[in-house]
Amino acid sequence: MPQPSPQPAPVPDPSEALPPLTMKEIERRSILAALRHTNRDVPRPAALLEINPSTIYRRIITWREEGTLPPELD
């Protein structure tokens, strides 16, 4: 019995695609992931991301003021 030919994968509709991330959001996600990975030890994620620890401290203050800092990192 002949095998059915495989169907091509459906092409996603571009109108349903997620919007691209901004650099600000990429930075935020990277810092938050590094903080979680290092148990909030700011100098370690700063070294991992090759940024100054003061940058992370400033971002935490900003996110706290905006109310967007995840509770587990507050």
PDB file of N, CA and C in Angstrom:
ATOM      1  N   MET A   1       0.850  -1.173   0.000  1.00  0.00           N
ATOM      2  CA  MET A   1       0.000   0.000   0.000  1.00  0.00           C
ATOM      3  C   MET A   1       0.898   1.240   0.000  1.00  0.00           C
ATOM      4  N   PRO A   2       0.643   2.198  -0.862  1.00  0.00           N
ATOM      5  CA  PRO A   2       1.506   3.388  -0.931  1.00  0.00           C
ATOM      6  C   PRO A   2       1.331   4.291   0.289  1.00  0.00           C
ATOM      7  N   GLN A   3       2.439   4.893   0.677  1.00  0.00           N
ATOM      8  CA  GLN A   3       2.438   5.833   1.806  1.00  0.00           C
ATOM      9  C   GLN A   3       1.892   7.185   1.332  1.00  0.00           C
ATOM     10  N   PRO A   4       1.053   7.842   2.146  1.00  0.00           N
ATOM     11  CA  PRO A   4       0.593   9.177   1.745  1.00  0.00           C
ATOM     12  C   PRO A   4       1.765  10.158   1.810  1.00  0.00           C
ATOM     13  N   SER A   5       1.787  11.077   0.873  1.00  0.00           N
ATOM     14  CA  SER A   5       2.881  12.049   0.880  1.00  0.00           C
ATOM     15  C   SER A   5       2.682  13.024   2.047  1.00  0.00           C
ATOM     16  N   PRO A   6       3.790  13.416   2.698  1.00  0.00           N
ATOM     17  CA  PRO A   6       3.657  14.319   3.849  1.00  0.00           C
ATOM     18  C   PRO A   6       3.140  15.690   3.413  1.00  0.00           C
ATOM     19  N   GLN A   7       2.332  16.254   4.265  1.00  0.00           N
ATOM     20  CA  GLN A   7       1.778  17.575   4.001  1.00  0.00           C
ATOM     21  C   GLN A   7       2.783  18.646   4.434  1.00  0.00           C
ATOM     22  N   PRO A   8       2.927  19.715   3.662  1.00  0.00           N
ATOM     23  CA  PRO A   8       3.827  20.793   4.092  1.00  0.00           C
ATOM     24  C   PRO A   8       3.270  21.480   5.337  1.00  0.00           C
ATOM     25  N   ALA A   9       4.187  22.014   6.135  1.00  0.00           N
ATOM     26  CA  ALA A   9       3.770  22.730   7.339  1.00  0.00           C
ATOM     27  C   ALA A   9       2.987  23.967   6.939  1.00  0.00           C
ATOM     28  N   PRO A  10       1.938  24.290   7.691  1.00  0.00           N
ATOM     29  CA  PRO A  10       1.164  25.484   7.346  1.00  0.00           C
ATOM     30  C   PRO A  10       2.010  26.746   7.554  1.00  0.00           C
ATOM     31  N   VAL A  11       1.816  27.690   6.679  1.00  0.00           N
ATOM     32  CA  VAL A  11       2.530  28.963   6.775  1.00  0.00           C
ATOM     33  C   VAL A  11       1.757  29.858   7.730  1.00  0.00           C
ATOM     34  N   PRO A  12       2.444  30.370   8.792  1.00  0.00           N
ATOM     35  CA  PRO A  12       1.719  31.217   9.747  1.00  0.00           C
ATOM     36  C   PRO A  12       1.284  32.535   9.096  1.00  0.00           C
ATOM     37  N   ASP A  13       0.157  32.999   9.524  1.00  0.00           N
ATOM     38  CA  ASP A  13      -0.374  34.265   9.034  1.00  0.00           C
ATOM     39  C   ASP A  13       0.384  35.399   9.716  1.00  0.00           C
ATOM     40  N   PRO A  14       1.080  36.257   8.969  1.00  0.00           N
ATOM     41  CA  PRO A  14       1.862  37.344   9.586  1.00  0.00           C
ATOM     42  C   PRO A  14       1.016  38.274  10.440  1.00  0.00           C
ATOM     43  N   SER A  15      -0.276  38.402  10.155  1.00  0.00           N
ATOM     44  CA  SER A  15      -1.120  39.287  10.957  1.00  0.00           C
ATOM     45  C   SER A  15      -1.348  38.724  12.358  1.00  0.00           C
ATOM     46  N   GLU A  16      -1.091  37.422  12.553  1.00  0.00           N
ATOM     47  CA  GLU A  16      -1.265  36.798  13.857  1.00  0.00           C
ATOM     48  C   GLU A  16       0.052  36.673  14.623  1.00  0.00           C
ATOM     49  N   ALA A  17       1.136  37.138  14.026  1.00  0.00           N
ATOM     50  CA  ALA A  17       2.446  37.023  14.675  1.00  0.00           C
ATOM     51  C   ALA A  17       2.533  37.976  15.859  1.00  0.00           C
ATOM     52  N   LEU A  18       3.355  37.595  16.824  1.00  0.00           N
ATOM     53  CA  LEU A  18       3.589  38.472  17.964  1.00  0.00           C
ATOM     54  C   LEU A  18       4.409  39.676  17.522  1.00  0.00           C
ATOM     55  N   PRO A  19       4.176  40.829  18.128  1.00  0.00           N
ATOM     56  CA  PRO A  19       4.977  41.985  17.749  1.00  0.00           C
ATOM     57  C   PRO A  19       6.426  41.785  18.186  1.00  0.00           C
ATOM     58  N   PRO A  20       7.371  42.351  17.456  1.00  0.00           N
ATOM     59  CA  PRO A  20       8.774  42.201  17.854  1.00  0.00           C
ATOM     60  C   PRO A  20       9.028  42.909  19.184  1.00  0.00           C
ATOM     61  N   LEU A  21       9.980  42.376  19.930  1.00  0.00           N
ATOM     62  CA  LEU A  21      10.322  42.979  21.217  1.00  0.00           C
ATOM     63  C   LEU A  21      11.182  44.212  20.993  1.00  0.00           C
ATOM     64  N   THR A  22      10.989  45.205  21.844  1.00  0.00           N
ATOM     65  CA  THR A  22      11.844  46.385  21.806  1.00  0.00           C
ATOM     66  C   THR A  22      13.139  46.070  22.534  1.00  0.00           C
ATOM     67  N   MET A  23      14.162  46.877  22.302  1.00  0.00           N
ATOM     68  CA  MET A  23      15.428  46.695  23.027  1.00  0.00           C
ATOM     69  C   MET A  23      15.203  46.849  24.530  1.00  0.00           C
ATOM     70  N   LYS A  24      14.316  47.753  24.905  1.00  0.00           N
ATOM     71  CA  LYS A  24      14.006  47.959  26.326  1.00  0.00           C
ATOM     72  C   LYS A  24      13.454  46.678  26.946  1.00  0.00           C
ATOM     73  N   GLU A  25      12.544  46.003  26.230  1.00  0.00           N
ATOM     74  CA  GLU A  25      11.956  44.763  26.742  1.00  0.00           C
ATOM     75  C   GLU A  25      12.970  43.630  26.747  1.00  0.00           C
ATOM     76  N   ILE A  26      13.828  43.569  25.748  1.00  0.00           N
ATOM     77  CA  ILE A  26      14.880  42.553  25.727  1.00  0.00           C
ATOM     78  C   ILE A  26      15.819  42.751  26.910  1.00  0.00           C
ATOM     79  N   GLU A  27      16.200  44.005  27.178  1.00  0.00           N
ATOM     80  CA  GLU A  27      17.057  44.297  28.324  1.00  0.00           C
ATOM     81  C   GLU A  27      16.365  43.892  29.623  1.00  0.00           C
ATOM     82  N   ARG A  28      15.100  44.252  29.759  1.00  0.00           N
ATOM     83  CA  ARG A  28      14.336  43.932  30.976  1.00  0.00           C
ATOM     84  C   ARG A  28      14.288  42.421  31.202  1.00  0.00           C
ATOM     85  N   ARG A  29      13.929  41.674  30.171  1.00  0.00           N
ATOM     86  CA  ARG A  29      13.837  40.218  30.311  1.00  0.00           C
ATOM     87  C   ARG A  29      15.194  39.598  30.644  1.00  0.00           C
ATOM     88  N   SER A  30      16.241  40.123  30.040  1.00  0.00           N
ATOM     89  CA  SER A  30      17.589  39.595  30.303  1.00  0.00           C
ATOM     90  C   SER A  30      18.002  39.854  31.744  1.00  0.00           C
ATOM     91  N   ILE A  31      17.779  41.069  32.216  1.00  0.00           N
ATOM     92  CA  ILE A  31      18.152  41.409  33.605  1.00  0.00           C
ATOM     93  C   ILE A  31      17.341  40.587  34.587  1.00  0.00           C
ATOM     94  N   LEU A  32      16.030  40.494  34.380  1.00  0.00           N
ATOM     95  CA  LEU A  32      15.186  39.732  35.305  1.00  0.00           C
ATOM     96  C   LEU A  32      15.569  38.256  35.322  1.00  0.00           C
ATOM     97  N   ALA A  33      15.847  37.685  34.160  1.00  0.00           N
ATOM     98  CA  ALA A  33      16.248  36.270  34.107  1.00  0.00           C
ATOM     99  C   ALA A  33      17.574  36.067  34.834  1.00  0.00           C
ATOM    100  N   ALA A  34      18.523  36.986  34.637  1.00  0.00           N
ATOM    101  CA  ALA A  34      19.825  36.866  35.298  1.00  0.00           C
ATOM    102  C   ALA A  34      19.675  37.030  36.809  1.00  0.00           C
ATOM    103  N   LEU A  35      18.807  37.929  37.250  1.00  0.00           N
ATOM    104  CA  LEU A  35      18.573  38.103  38.693  1.00  0.00           C
ATOM    105  C   LEU A  35      17.973  36.836  39.297  1.00  0.00           C
ATOM    106  N   ARG A  36      17.018  36.245  38.601  1.00  0.00           N
ATOM    107  CA  ARG A  36      16.413  34.998  39.107  1.00  0.00           C
ATOM    108  C   ARG A  36      17.449  33.876  39.158  1.00  0.00           C
ATOM    109  N   HIS A  37      18.265  33.796  38.132  1.00  0.00           N
ATOM    110  CA  HIS A  37      19.276  32.742  38.033  1.00  0.00           C
ATOM    111  C   HIS A  37      20.328  32.845  39.142  1.00  0.00           C
ATOM    112  N   THR A  38      20.590  34.059  39.600  1.00  0.00           N
ATOM    113  CA  THR A  38      21.648  34.278  40.599  1.00  0.00           C
ATOM    114  C   THR A  38      21.085  34.613  41.975  1.00  0.00           C
ATOM    115  N   ASN A  39      19.813  34.343  42.193  1.00  0.00           N
ATOM    116  CA  ASN A  39      19.169  34.620  43.480  1.00  0.00           C
ATOM    117  C   ASN A  39      19.325  36.075  43.907  1.00  0.00           C
ATOM    118  N   ARG A  40      19.122  36.982  42.948  1.00  0.00           N
ATOM    119  CA  ARG A  40      19.107  38.432  43.179  1.00  0.00           C
ATOM    120  C   ARG A  40      20.435  39.000  43.649  1.00  0.00           C
ATOM    121  N   ASP A  41      21.520  38.338  43.374  1.00  0.00           N
ATOM    122  CA  ASP A  41      22.852  38.827  43.735  1.00  0.00           C
ATOM    123  C   ASP A  41      23.331  39.743  42.601  1.00  0.00           C
ATOM    124  N   VAL A  42      23.038  41.048  42.694  1.00  0.00           N
ATOM    125  CA  VAL A  42      23.203  41.997  41.589  1.00  0.00           C
ATOM    126  C   VAL A  42      24.581  41.962  40.922  1.00  0.00           C
ATOM    127  N   PRO A  43      25.701  41.894  41.646  1.00  0.00           N
ATOM    128  CA  PRO A  43      26.995  41.879  40.941  1.00  0.00           C
ATOM    129  C   PRO A  43      27.160  40.692  39.978  1.00  0.00           C
ATOM    130  N   ARG A  44      26.584  39.547  40.306  1.00  0.00           N
ATOM    131  CA  ARG A  44      26.729  38.383  39.429  1.00  0.00           C
ATOM    132  C   ARG A  44      25.979  38.546  38.110  1.00  0.00           C
ATOM    133  N   PRO A  45      24.696  38.956  38.101  1.00  0.00           N
ATOM    134  CA  PRO A  45      24.053  39.161  36.804  1.00  0.00           C
ATOM    135  C   PRO A  45      24.699  40.304  36.019  1.00  0.00           C
ATOM    136  N   ALA A  46      25.194  41.302  36.722  1.00  0.00           N
ATOM    137  CA  ALA A  46      25.882  42.388  36.022  1.00  0.00           C
ATOM    138  C   ALA A  46      27.100  41.840  35.276  1.00  0.00           C
ATOM    139  N   ALA A  47      27.846  40.975  35.934  1.00  0.00           N
ATOM    140  CA  ALA A  47      29.013  40.375  35.285  1.00  0.00           C
ATOM    141  C   ALA A  47      28.588  39.477  34.124  1.00  0.00           C
ATOM    142  N   LEU A  48      27.526  38.696  34.326  1.00  0.00           N
ATOM    143  CA  LEU A  48      27.038  37.820  33.253  1.00  0.00           C
ATOM    144  C   LEU A  48      26.609  38.614  32.022  1.00  0.00           C
ATOM    145  N   LEU A  49      25.954  39.752  32.263  1.00  0.00           N
ATOM    146  CA  LEU A  49      25.430  40.562  31.168  1.00  0.00           C
ATOM    147  C   LEU A  49      26.426  41.624  30.688  1.00  0.00           C
ATOM    148  N   GLU A  50      27.571  41.671  31.368  1.00  0.00           N
ATOM    149  CA  GLU A  50      28.618  42.637  31.036  1.00  0.00           C
ATOM    150  C   GLU A  50      28.099  44.072  31.074  1.00  0.00           C
ATOM    151  N   ILE A  51      27.381  44.377  32.180  1.00  0.00           N
ATOM    152  CA  ILE A  51      26.916  45.734  32.427  1.00  0.00           C
ATOM    153  C   ILE A  51      27.309  46.115  33.847  1.00  0.00           C
ATOM    154  N   ASN A  52      27.260  47.400  34.138  1.00  0.00           N
ATOM    155  CA  ASN A  52      27.618  47.883  35.465  1.00  0.00           C
ATOM    156  C   ASN A  52      26.496  47.541  36.453  1.00  0.00           C
ATOM    157  N   PRO A  53      26.835  47.105  37.660  1.00  0.00           N
ATOM    158  CA  PRO A  53      25.792  46.816  38.647  1.00  0.00           C
ATOM    159  C   PRO A  53      24.859  48.000  38.897  1.00  0.00           C
ATOM    160  N   SER A  54      25.383  49.213  38.791  1.00  0.00           N
ATOM    161  CA  SER A  54      24.521  50.379  39.023  1.00  0.00           C
ATOM    162  C   SER A  54      23.384  50.443  38.001  1.00  0.00           C
ATOM    163  N   THR A  55      23.608  49.914  36.809  1.00  0.00           N
ATOM    164  CA  THR A  55      22.540  49.868  35.807  1.00  0.00           C
ATOM    165  C   THR A  55      21.392  48.997  36.313  1.00  0.00           C
ATOM    166  N   ILE A  56      21.725  47.858  36.887  1.00  0.00           N
ATOM    167  CA  ILE A  56      20.683  46.959  37.410  1.00  0.00           C
ATOM    168  C   ILE A  56      19.965  47.613  38.587  1.00  0.00           C
ATOM    169  N   TYR A  57      20.717  48.232  39.496  1.00  0.00           N
ATOM    170  CA  TYR A  57      20.083  48.907  40.633  1.00  0.00           C
ATOM    171  C   TYR A  57      19.121  49.998  40.153  1.00  0.00           C
ATOM    172  N   ARG A  58      19.532  50.775  39.151  1.00  0.00           N
ATOM    173  CA  ARG A  58      18.659  51.828  38.618  1.00  0.00           C
ATOM    174  C   ARG A  58      17.411  51.240  37.984  1.00  0.00           C
ATOM    175  N   ARG A  59      17.577  50.157  37.229  1.00  0.00           N
ATOM    176  CA  ARG A  59      16.407  49.528  36.595  1.00  0.00           C
ATOM    177  C   ARG A  59      15.440  49.001  37.658  1.00  0.00           C
ATOM    178  N   ILE A  60      15.969  48.395  38.711  1.00  0.00           N
ATOM    179  CA  ILE A  60      15.103  47.888  39.789  1.00  0.00           C
ATOM    180  C   ILE A  60      14.309  49.025  40.411  1.00  0.00           C
ATOM    181  N   ILE A  61      14.966  50.154  40.671  1.00  0.00           N
ATOM    182  CA  ILE A  61      14.274  51.312  41.244  1.00  0.00           C
ATOM    183  C   ILE A  61      13.174  51.786  40.296  1.00  0.00           C
ATOM    184  N   THR A  62      13.497  51.894  39.015  1.00  0.00           N
ATOM    185  CA  THR A  62      12.506  52.344  38.013  1.00  0.00           C
ATOM    186  C   THR A  62      11.329  51.391  37.953  1.00  0.00           C
ATOM    187  N   TRP A  63      11.607  50.086  37.863  1.00  0.00           N
ATOM    188  CA  TRP A  63      10.527  49.104  37.772  1.00  0.00           C
ATOM    189  C   TRP A  63       9.686  49.091  39.045  1.00  0.00           C
ATOM    190  N   ARG A  64      10.306  49.298  40.190  1.00  0.00           N
ATOM    191  CA  ARG A  64       9.563  49.353  41.451  1.00  0.00           C
ATOM    192  C   ARG A  64       8.623  50.559  41.434  1.00  0.00           C
ATOM    193  N   GLU A  65       9.136  51.724  40.989  1.00  0.00           N
ATOM    194  CA  GLU A  65       8.316  52.945  40.927  1.00  0.00           C
ATOM    195  C   GLU A  65       7.164  52.791  39.939  1.00  0.00           C
ATOM    196  N   GLU A  66       7.425  52.091  38.826  1.00  0.00           N
ATOM    197  CA  GLU A  66       6.375  51.856  37.820  1.00  0.00           C
ATOM    198  C   GLU A  66       5.387  50.789  38.245  1.00  0.00           C
ATOM    199  N   GLY A  67       5.758  50.021  39.274  1.00  0.00           N
ATOM    200  CA  GLY A  67       4.923  48.914  39.700  1.00  0.00           C
ATOM    201  C   GLY A  67       5.043  47.700  38.810  1.00  0.00           C
ATOM    202  N   THR A  68       6.162  47.587  38.046  1.00  0.00           N
ATOM    203  CA  THR A  68       6.340  46.477  37.125  1.00  0.00           C
ATOM    204  C   THR A  68       7.417  45.493  37.572  1.00  0.00           C
ATOM    205  N   LEU A  69       7.964  45.697  38.764  1.00  0.00           N
ATOM    206  CA  LEU A  69       8.982  44.764  39.271  1.00  0.00           C
ATOM    207  C   LEU A  69       8.264  43.511  39.769  1.00  0.00           C
ATOM    208  N   PRO A  70       8.647  42.339  39.266  1.00  0.00           N
ATOM    209  CA  PRO A  70       7.981  41.104  39.736  1.00  0.00           C
ATOM    210  C   PRO A  70       8.125  40.966  41.250  1.00  0.00           C
ATOM    211  N   PRO A  71       7.050  40.538  41.920  1.00  0.00           N
ATOM    212  CA  PRO A  71       7.059  40.452  43.388  1.00  0.00           C
ATOM    213  C   PRO A  71       8.193  39.606  43.947  1.00  0.00           C
ATOM    214  N   GLU A  72       8.574  38.548  43.251  1.00  0.00           N
ATOM    215  CA  GLU A  72       9.634  37.682  43.783  1.00  0.00           C
ATOM    216  C   GLU A  72      10.998  38.366  43.759  1.00  0.00           C
ATOM    217  N   LEU A  73      11.115  39.490  43.065  1.00  0.00           N
ATOM    218  CA  LEU A  73      12.386  40.203  43.021  1.00  0.00           C
ATOM    219  C   LEU A  73      12.350  41.498  43.818  1.00  0.00           C
ATOM    220  N   ASP A  74      11.225  41.791  44.423  1.00  0.00           N
ATOM    221  CA  ASP A  74      11.098  43.024  45.210  1.00  0.00           C
ATOM    222  C   ASP A  74      11.619  42.821  46.617  1.00  0.00           C
TER     223      ASP A  74
END
